[in-house]
Amino acid sequence: MREPTSPAPSDGPTLAELRAFQRKLLENIPKWLRYRGLRQKDVALSLGVSEAAISRYLKGETQMTVGQLRQIAFLLNADVADLLRPPPPGNLGAKAEETLAAIERLTPDQQRAVLALIRSFQAPQNAGQGESDDGPA
């Protein structure tokens, strides 16, 4: 008769390591959102899920898929590994948060006007007019 063998050691993370990984993500994703000036609504639109679903993900009530986590990292212009740490220090996060708070205090009509103004800066100038980026010849 053969003697029973012990199970082979696992090369993967332990359950405790996975839980620590999840805690770090849940702690840092909101920080990254503020740093990039994004809201849970923006993540929901990007993932094609409800804001309530994003809220449940970030509270740890439900699990997001690896694909969703990668998409969030992409939206945040970061790697998944970056999300295990807080965003780098700097004023970008604070300034974005301050700007967002100011916009949220506006009326819906004022918010639409601000968004239209921002979009006007993002739109390529002279689009469709056949001129080069350097201006008229």
Protein backbone atom coordinates (compact mmCIF):
# COMPACT_ATOMS: atom_id res chain seq x y z
CA MET A 1 0.00 0.00 0.00
CA ARG A 2 1.04 3.54 -0.72
CA GLU A 3 1.48 6.05 2.04
CA PRO A 4 -0.74 9.15 1.82
CA THR A 5 1.17 12.15 0.58
CA SER A 6 0.78 15.66 1.85
CA PRO A 7 -0.77 18.16 -0.52
CA ALA A 8 1.61 20.00 -2.79
CA PRO A 9 2.44 23.53 -1.65
CA SER A 10 0.42 26.16 -3.46
CA ASP A 11 2.22 28.74 -5.53
CA GLY A 12 -0.80 31.06 -5.41
CA PRO A 13 -1.72 33.62 -2.77
CA THR A 14 -3.32 32.54 0.46
CA LEU A 15 -6.85 33.54 1.40
CA ALA A 16 -5.44 36.03 3.90
CA GLU A 17 -3.28 37.57 1.17
CA LEU A 18 -6.26 37.84 -1.17
CA ARG A 19 -8.31 39.56 1.53
CA ALA A 20 -5.46 42.00 2.23
CA PHE A 21 -5.23 42.70 -1.52
CA GLN A 22 -8.97 43.41 -1.64
CA ARG A 23 -8.82 45.69 1.43
CA LYS A 24 -6.02 47.72 -0.15
CA LEU A 25 -7.95 48.09 -3.39
CA LEU A 26 -11.13 49.15 -1.59
CA GLU A 27 -9.14 51.65 0.44
CA ASN A 28 -7.19 53.12 -2.48
CA ILE A 29 -9.61 53.18 -5.44
CA PRO A 30 -11.65 56.08 -3.93
CA LYS A 31 -8.38 57.95 -3.33
CA TRP A 32 -7.37 57.40 -6.96
CA LEU A 33 -10.81 58.59 -8.11
CA ARG A 34 -10.36 61.84 -6.17
CA TYR A 35 -6.79 62.15 -7.43
CA ARG A 36 -7.97 61.89 -11.05
CA GLY A 37 -11.04 64.08 -10.43
CA LEU A 38 -13.45 61.24 -11.20
CA ARG A 39 -16.58 60.05 -9.44
CA GLN A 40 -18.23 56.69 -8.91
CA LYS A 41 -20.68 57.77 -11.62
CA ASP A 42 -17.81 57.97 -14.12
CA VAL A 43 -16.68 54.46 -13.19
CA ALA A 44 -20.25 53.16 -13.49
CA LEU A 45 -20.57 54.63 -16.99
CA SER A 46 -17.23 53.16 -18.03
CA LEU A 47 -18.10 49.69 -16.72
CA GLY A 48 -21.71 49.79 -17.92
CA VAL A 49 -23.09 49.17 -14.43
CA SER A 50 -25.15 51.23 -12.01
CA GLU A 51 -23.71 53.69 -9.52
CA ALA A 52 -25.20 51.46 -6.82
CA ALA A 53 -23.14 48.53 -8.13
CA ILE A 54 -19.95 50.60 -7.92
CA SER A 55 -20.87 51.64 -4.39
CA ARG A 56 -21.36 47.98 -3.42
CA TYR A 57 -17.98 47.08 -4.98
CA LEU A 58 -16.20 49.82 -3.05
CA LYS A 59 -17.91 48.86 0.22
CA GLY A 60 -16.81 45.27 -0.30
CA GLU A 61 -20.42 44.05 -0.43
CA THR A 62 -19.95 42.48 -3.86
CA GLN A 63 -16.90 41.44 -5.84
CA MET A 64 -15.79 43.00 -9.08
CA THR A 65 -14.29 40.87 -11.81
CA VAL A 66 -10.64 41.01 -12.79
CA GLY A 67 -11.76 42.58 -16.07
CA GLN A 68 -13.66 45.30 -14.21
CA LEU A 69 -10.65 45.96 -12.00
CA ARG A 70 -8.45 46.29 -15.09
CA GLN A 71 -10.97 48.67 -16.67
CA ILE A 72 -11.02 50.81 -13.52
CA ALA A 73 -7.21 50.92 -13.53
CA PHE A 74 -7.29 51.95 -17.21
CA LEU A 75 -9.85 54.68 -16.45
CA LEU A 76 -7.57 55.94 -13.67
CA ASN A 77 -4.55 55.86 -16.01
CA ALA A 78 -2.87 53.40 -13.64
CA ASP A 79 -1.87 49.76 -13.45
CA VAL A 80 -3.79 47.42 -11.17
CA ALA A 81 -0.64 47.18 -9.03
CA ASP A 82 -0.71 50.99 -8.63
CA LEU A 83 -4.13 50.72 -7.00
CA LEU A 84 -2.61 48.79 -4.10
CA ARG A 85 -0.96 52.06 -3.03
CA PRO A 86 -2.40 55.53 -2.54
CA PRO A 87 -1.88 57.90 -5.48
CA PRO A 88 1.33 59.92 -5.48
CA PRO A 89 1.36 63.05 -3.34
CA GLY A 90 0.67 66.33 -5.00
CA ASN A 91 -1.94 68.99 -5.37
CA LEU A 92 -3.68 67.48 -8.39
CA GLY A 93 -6.01 65.43 -6.21
CA ALA A 94 -6.83 68.30 -3.87
CA LYS A 95 -7.35 70.73 -6.75
CA ALA A 96 -9.57 68.27 -8.61
CA GLU A 97 -11.59 67.66 -5.44
CA GLU A 98 -11.97 71.41 -4.85
CA THR A 99 -13.04 71.97 -8.45
CA LEU A 100 -15.54 69.12 -8.32
CA ALA A 101 -17.01 70.48 -5.05
CA ALA A 102 -17.41 73.92 -6.64
CA ILE A 103 -19.13 72.46 -9.71
CA GLU A 104 -21.45 70.37 -7.54
CA ARG A 105 -22.65 73.56 -5.81
CA LEU A 106 -23.81 74.99 -9.16
CA THR A 107 -27.32 74.62 -10.52
CA PRO A 108 -27.84 71.92 -13.19
CA ASP A 109 -27.95 74.60 -15.91
CA GLN A 110 -24.69 76.09 -14.66
CA GLN A 111 -23.11 72.63 -14.54
CA ARG A 112 -24.11 72.03 -18.17
CA ALA A 113 -22.61 75.41 -19.14
CA VAL A 114 -19.32 74.56 -17.39
CA LEU A 115 -19.23 71.16 -19.10
CA ALA A 116 -19.89 72.79 -22.49
CA LEU A 117 -17.05 75.24 -21.85
CA ILE A 118 -14.66 72.42 -20.95
CA ARG A 119 -15.68 70.47 -24.04
CA SER A 120 -15.06 73.54 -26.20
CA PHE A 121 -11.43 73.51 -25.06
CA GLN A 122 -11.16 69.80 -25.85
CA ALA A 123 -12.66 70.08 -29.34
CA PRO A 124 -10.08 70.32 -32.10
CA GLN A 125 -9.99 73.84 -33.43
CA ASN A 126 -10.63 74.32 -37.13
CA ALA A 127 -12.06 70.80 -37.37
CA GLY A 128 -13.13 70.06 -40.90
CA GLN A 129 -11.85 73.38 -42.25
CA GLY A 130 -8.83 71.91 -43.98
CA GLU A 131 -6.32 73.99 -42.07
CA SER A 132 -3.22 72.58 -40.46
CA ASP A 133 -2.61 72.59 -36.72
CA ASP A 134 -0.22 75.49 -37.23
CA GLY A 135 -3.00 77.80 -38.33
CA PRO A 136 -3.70 79.34 -41.72
CA ALA A 137 -0.90 79.33 -44.26
